[in-house]
Every structure is written in C-alpha cells, then in structure tokens.
Amino acid sequence: MAYSKNSRSRLTLHALTGVLVLALAACGSDDMQGATQGTPPTGRTEAAPTNSTTEPRMEDGVQIVEITVGEVFEPNRIRLDAGTPARLIFTRTTEDTCVKQVNVPTFEIGPIDLPLNEPISVEFTPDEVGDFTFVCGMDMVSGSLVVQS
C-alpha cells in the first residue's frame, strides 16, 4: 500500500501520541503534567534541578540519608564516602506516582517495594568511587549517588 508524505506524517504522529498515552498511563498519571515537563533522552524523568548535593548524617559509623518519594526523589543527589556503610531511607508519600519501587543497579540492589508512608531502609557499603544512579522500578525517575574516596 502506498502512502503519501502527509499520510506517513499523520501515522507517525498517531504512533507517537499512542506511546505518550501509554507511558503516562504506566506511571498512573491522571493528567498531562509530566508531558509538559520534558523527558531527558534516556527516558528518565529527573527530579527538579538542584544546585547542591545532600550530605549524609553519621550515626554509629553509618552514613544515613532520608529520601522522600513523590513524583521525584528528594533529595535526588546524595554524596557518600566509599568504604563506609550507608543507609538510604526511602519514604513514599503519595499514591500519585510511578515511583513505587527503587533499584540501585550498580550495587545490585532492588527492586525494593516502597509502600505508602512506610520508611524502607536500603543498606549497603559503596565500594566504588563515581557517580551512580538510583531509579524507580520503571527506570523513569532517577537520582544520583556521588561516591567519593
């Protein structure tokens, strides 16, 4: 079947619209707010830009950071020291998010379920120096672990 240039353009537009609708449905979004915020080329939705990196508090030799989970991870950029045990405490505060699980792929953590309003501790010792990602279960929302020596 031959298609005109206009027909191909309409088919492409319809296909892209369908993909967008499916992506929004997968995240449980009831509105188009996420579609207007833009998506990085990786397909992940980054948290609102911050100019700072959150430092952990030390307690009994463990680096501790509390992370609130809404539409994004907050804080979304965390500095940790390599070789020192770390505890990330995730608390999901809304049903209106696709962030219902967390993974830390580099450290082979997850997926870990994040029940509503229940703090979930993720404990590990970062043994590599670098910038690593933690992501939601759908790999769409992410944050950074900046591990230094």
C-alpha atoms as a PDB file:
ATOM      1  CA  MET A   1       0.000   0.000   0.000  1.00  0.00           C
ATOM      2  CA  ALA A   2       1.437   3.385  -0.963  1.00  0.00           C
ATOM      3  CA  TYR A   3       1.225   6.278   1.457  1.00  0.00           C
ATOM      4  CA  SER A   4       1.625   9.951   0.695  1.00  0.00           C
ATOM      5  CA  LYS A   5       4.072  12.042   2.696  1.00  0.00           C
ATOM      6  CA  ASN A   6       1.116  13.562   4.595  1.00  0.00           C
ATOM      7  CA  SER A   7      -0.299  10.130   5.431  1.00  0.00           C
ATOM      8  CA  ARG A   8       3.068   8.937   6.752  1.00  0.00           C
ATOM      9  CA  SER A   9       3.381  12.072   8.899  1.00  0.00           C
ATOM     10  CA  ARG A  10      -0.093  11.514  10.361  1.00  0.00           C
ATOM     11  CA  LEU A  11       0.691   7.848  11.053  1.00  0.00           C
ATOM     12  CA  THR A  12       3.930   8.818  12.791  1.00  0.00           C
ATOM     13  CA  LEU A  13       2.130  11.469  14.857  1.00  0.00           C
ATOM     14  CA  HIS A  14      -0.566   8.973  15.861  1.00  0.00           C
ATOM     15  CA  ALA A  15       2.065   6.384  16.827  1.00  0.00           C
ATOM     16  CA  LEU A  16       3.977   8.913  18.955  1.00  0.00           C
ATOM     17  CA  THR A  17       0.759  10.060  20.625  1.00  0.00           C
ATOM     18  CA  GLY A  18      -0.091   6.443  21.441  1.00  0.00           C
ATOM     19  CA  VAL A  19       3.328   5.874  23.004  1.00  0.00           C
ATOM     20  CA  LEU A  20       2.962   9.035  25.114  1.00  0.00           C
ATOM     21  CA  VAL A  21      -0.501   7.991  26.308  1.00  0.00           C
ATOM     22  CA  LEU A  22       0.796   4.523  27.267  1.00  0.00           C
ATOM     23  CA  ALA A  23       3.791   5.990  29.113  1.00  0.00           C
ATOM     24  CA  LEU A  24       1.578   8.326  31.121  1.00  0.00           C
ATOM     25  CA  ALA A  25      -0.849   5.520  31.917  1.00  0.00           C
ATOM     26  CA  ALA A  26       2.017   3.313  33.097  1.00  0.00           C
ATOM     27  CA  CYS A  27       3.044   5.949  35.613  1.00  0.00           C
ATOM     28  CA  GLY A  28      -0.508   6.284  36.882  1.00  0.00           C
ATOM     29  CA  SER A  29      -0.777   9.896  35.808  1.00  0.00           C
ATOM     30  CA  ASP A  30      -4.299  11.263  35.546  1.00  0.00           C
ATOM     31  CA  ASP A  31      -3.165  14.454  33.864  1.00  0.00           C
ATOM     32  CA  MET A  32      -0.662  15.651  31.296  1.00  0.00           C
ATOM     33  CA  GLN A  33       1.596  17.479  33.769  1.00  0.00           C
ATOM     34  CA  GLY A  34       4.542  15.130  33.183  1.00  0.00           C
ATOM     35  CA  ALA A  35       4.259  15.515  29.417  1.00  0.00           C
ATOM     36  CA  THR A  36       4.837  19.261  29.632  1.00  0.00           C
ATOM     37  CA  GLN A  37       7.949  18.960  31.820  1.00  0.00           C
ATOM     38  CA  GLY A  38      10.041  17.204  29.172  1.00  0.00           C
ATOM     39  CA  THR A  39      11.968  13.966  29.330  1.00  0.00           C
ATOM     40  CA  PRO A  40      15.724  13.544  29.026  1.00  0.00           C
ATOM     41  CA  PRO A  41      16.953  11.399  26.121  1.00  0.00           C
ATOM     42  CA  THR A  42      17.437   8.409  28.462  1.00  0.00           C
ATOM     43  CA  GLY A  43      13.669   8.212  29.020  1.00  0.00           C
ATOM     44  CA  ARG A  44      14.119   9.009  32.693  1.00  0.00           C
ATOM     45  CA  THR A  45      12.415  11.880  34.461  1.00  0.00           C
ATOM     46  CA  GLU A  46      14.934  13.728  36.564  1.00  0.00           C
ATOM     47  CA  ALA A  47      13.995  15.463  39.784  1.00  0.00           C
ATOM     48  CA  ALA A  48      13.785  19.244  39.745  1.00  0.00           C
ATOM     49  CA  PRO A  49      17.313  20.583  39.261  1.00  0.00           C
ATOM     50  CA  THR A  50      19.178  21.276  42.466  1.00  0.00           C
ATOM     51  CA  ASN A  51      22.454  23.105  42.845  1.00  0.00           C
ATOM     52  CA  SER A  52      23.531  21.113  45.877  1.00  0.00           C
ATOM     53  CA  THR A  53      24.462  17.611  46.826  1.00  0.00           C
ATOM     54  CA  THR A  54      22.980  16.304  50.072  1.00  0.00           C
ATOM     55  CA  GLU A  55      25.467  15.160  52.694  1.00  0.00           C
ATOM     56  CA  PRO A  56      24.560  12.182  54.902  1.00  0.00           C
ATOM     57  CA  ARG A  57      24.374  12.370  58.674  1.00  0.00           C
ATOM     58  CA  MET A  58      26.665   9.955  60.512  1.00  0.00           C
ATOM     59  CA  GLU A  59      25.207   7.663  63.155  1.00  0.00           C
ATOM     60  CA  ASP A  60      27.236   4.813  64.709  1.00  0.00           C
ATOM     61  CA  GLY A  61      29.602   4.779  61.732  1.00  0.00           C
ATOM     62  CA  VAL A  62      26.773   4.611  59.150  1.00  0.00           C
ATOM     63  CA  GLN A  63      26.015   7.283  56.542  1.00  0.00           C
ATOM     64  CA  ILE A  64      22.268   7.973  56.692  1.00  0.00           C
ATOM     65  CA  VAL A  65      20.118   9.876  54.193  1.00  0.00           C
ATOM     66  CA  GLU A  66      16.326  10.145  54.309  1.00  0.00           C
ATOM     67  CA  ILE A  67      14.720  10.365  50.877  1.00  0.00           C
ATOM     68  CA  THR A  68      11.121  11.443  50.311  1.00  0.00           C
ATOM     69  CA  VAL A  69       9.496   9.778  47.322  1.00  0.00           C
ATOM     70  CA  GLY A  70       6.787  11.713  45.496  1.00  0.00           C
ATOM     71  CA  GLU A  71       6.827  12.365  41.770  1.00  0.00           C
ATOM     72  CA  VAL A  72      10.618  12.542  42.198  1.00  0.00           C
ATOM     73  CA  PHE A  73      13.244  11.521  44.743  1.00  0.00           C
ATOM     74  CA  GLU A  74      14.039  14.335  47.194  1.00  0.00           C
ATOM     75  CA  PRO A  75      16.921  14.778  47.648  1.00  0.00           C
ATOM     76  CA  ASN A  76      17.936  13.465  44.257  1.00  0.00           C
ATOM     77  CA  ARG A  77      21.719  13.935  44.547  1.00  0.00           C
ATOM     78  CA  ILE A  78      23.489  12.348  47.518  1.00  0.00           C
ATOM     79  CA  ARG A  79      27.174  12.315  48.432  1.00  0.00           C
ATOM     80  CA  LEU A  80      28.534   9.178  50.119  1.00  0.00           C
ATOM     81  CA  ASP A  81      32.017   8.088  51.200  1.00  0.00           C
ATOM     82  CA  ALA A  82      33.355   4.877  49.649  1.00  0.00           C
ATOM     83  CA  GLY A  83      34.037   2.078  52.101  1.00  0.00           C
ATOM     84  CA  THR A  84      31.636   3.445  54.748  1.00  0.00           C
ATOM     85  CA  PRO A  85      28.304   1.674  55.330  1.00  0.00           C
ATOM     86  CA  ALA A  86      25.307   3.653  54.060  1.00  0.00           C
ATOM     87  CA  ARG A  87      21.593   3.550  54.858  1.00  0.00           C
ATOM     88  CA  LEU A  88      19.188   5.231  52.454  1.00  0.00           C
ATOM     89  CA  ILE A  89      15.718   5.553  53.979  1.00  0.00           C
ATOM     90  CA  PHE A  90      13.014   5.912  51.320  1.00  0.00           C
ATOM     91  CA  THR A  91       9.509   7.067  52.306  1.00  0.00           C
ATOM     92  CA  ARG A  92       6.848   7.225  49.576  1.00  0.00           C
ATOM     93  CA  THR A  93       4.360   9.978  50.452  1.00  0.00           C
ATOM     94  CA  THR A  94       1.833   9.796  47.600  1.00  0.00           C
ATOM     95  CA  GLU A  95      -0.167   7.303  45.559  1.00  0.00           C
ATOM     96  CA  ASP A  96       0.077   9.661  42.553  1.00  0.00           C
ATOM     97  CA  THR A  97       3.486   8.476  41.392  1.00  0.00           C
ATOM     98  CA  CYS A  98       5.018   5.647  39.410  1.00  0.00           C
ATOM     99  CA  VAL A  99       7.853   5.544  41.964  1.00  0.00           C
ATOM    100  CA  LYS A 100       6.626   2.517  43.903  1.00  0.00           C
ATOM    101  CA  GLN A 101       9.933   0.641  43.790  1.00  0.00           C
ATOM    102  CA  VAL A 102      13.598   1.578  43.900  1.00  0.00           C
ATOM    103  CA  ASN A 103      16.696  -0.005  42.324  1.00  0.00           C
ATOM    104  CA  VAL A 104      20.386   0.794  42.739  1.00  0.00           C
ATOM    105  CA  PRO A 105      21.701  -1.175  39.738  1.00  0.00           C
ATOM    106  CA  THR A 106      25.449  -0.678  40.235  1.00  0.00           C
ATOM    107  CA  PHE A 107      25.259  -2.102  43.746  1.00  0.00           C
ATOM    108  CA  GLU A 108      22.806  -4.865  42.692  1.00  0.00           C
ATOM    109  CA  ILE A 109      20.021  -3.570  44.943  1.00  0.00           C
ATOM    110  CA  GLY A 110      16.358  -3.974  44.092  1.00  0.00           C
ATOM    111  CA  PRO A 111      13.770  -3.821  43.023  1.00  0.00           C
ATOM    112  CA  ILE A 112      12.564  -2.945  46.520  1.00  0.00           C
ATOM    113  CA  ASP A 113       8.881  -2.097  47.068  1.00  0.00           C
ATOM    114  CA  LEU A 114       8.100   1.292  48.609  1.00  0.00           C
ATOM    115  CA  PRO A 115       4.785   1.016  50.488  1.00  0.00           C
ATOM    116  CA  LEU A 116       2.898   4.267  51.090  1.00  0.00           C
ATOM    117  CA  ASN A 117       4.060   6.206  54.192  1.00  0.00           C
ATOM    118  CA  GLU A 118       6.349   3.409  55.399  1.00  0.00           C
ATOM    119  CA  PRO A 119      10.095   4.134  55.690  1.00  0.00           C
ATOM    120  CA  ILE A 120      12.129   1.464  53.889  1.00  0.00           C
ATOM    121  CA  SER A 121      15.867   1.195  54.645  1.00  0.00           C
ATOM    122  CA  VAL A 122      18.317   0.205  51.941  1.00  0.00           C
ATOM    123  CA  GLU A 123      21.695  -0.666  53.438  1.00  0.00           C
ATOM    124  CA  PHE A 124      24.936  -1.238  51.553  1.00  0.00           C
ATOM    125  CA  THR A 125      28.577  -0.218  51.540  1.00  0.00           C
ATOM    126  CA  PRO A 126      29.522   1.731  48.405  1.00  0.00           C
ATOM    127  CA  ASP A 127      32.821   0.224  47.309  1.00  0.00           C
ATOM    128  CA  GLU A 128      33.354   2.125  44.059  1.00  0.00           C
ATOM    129  CA  VAL A 129      34.104   5.807  43.529  1.00  0.00           C
ATOM    130  CA  GLY A 130      31.994   7.601  40.939  1.00  0.00           C
ATOM    131  CA  ASP A 131      28.537   8.897  40.074  1.00  0.00           C
ATOM    132  CA  PHE A 132      25.872   6.169  40.242  1.00  0.00           C
ATOM    133  CA  THR A 133      22.141   6.176  39.596  1.00  0.00           C
ATOM    134  CA  PHE A 134      19.219   5.006  41.689  1.00  0.00           C
ATOM    135  CA  VAL A 135      15.942   4.611  39.798  1.00  0.00           C
ATOM    136  CA  CYS A 136      12.284   3.775  40.190  1.00  0.00           C
ATOM    137  CA  GLY A 137      11.079   0.312  39.260  1.00  0.00           C
ATOM    138  CA  MET A 138      10.149   1.502  35.761  1.00  0.00           C
ATOM    139  CA  ASP A 139      13.557   3.170  35.206  1.00  0.00           C
ATOM    140  CA  MET A 140      11.858   6.520  34.539  1.00  0.00           C
ATOM    141  CA  VAL A 141      12.650   8.595  37.667  1.00  0.00           C
ATOM    142  CA  SER A 142      16.212   8.750  38.934  1.00  0.00           C
ATOM    143  CA  GLY A 143      18.627  10.258  41.398  1.00  0.00           C
ATOM    144  CA  SER A 144      22.421  10.219  41.826  1.00  0.00           C
ATOM    145  CA  LEU A 145      24.789   8.781  44.361  1.00  0.00           C
ATOM    146  CA  VAL A 146      28.089  10.631  44.246  1.00  0.00           C
ATOM    147  CA  VAL A 147      30.581   8.278  45.904  1.00  0.00           C
ATOM    148  CA  GLN A 148      33.940   9.790  46.835  1.00  0.00           C
ATOM    149  CA  SER A 149      37.069   8.386  48.421  1.00  0.00           C
END
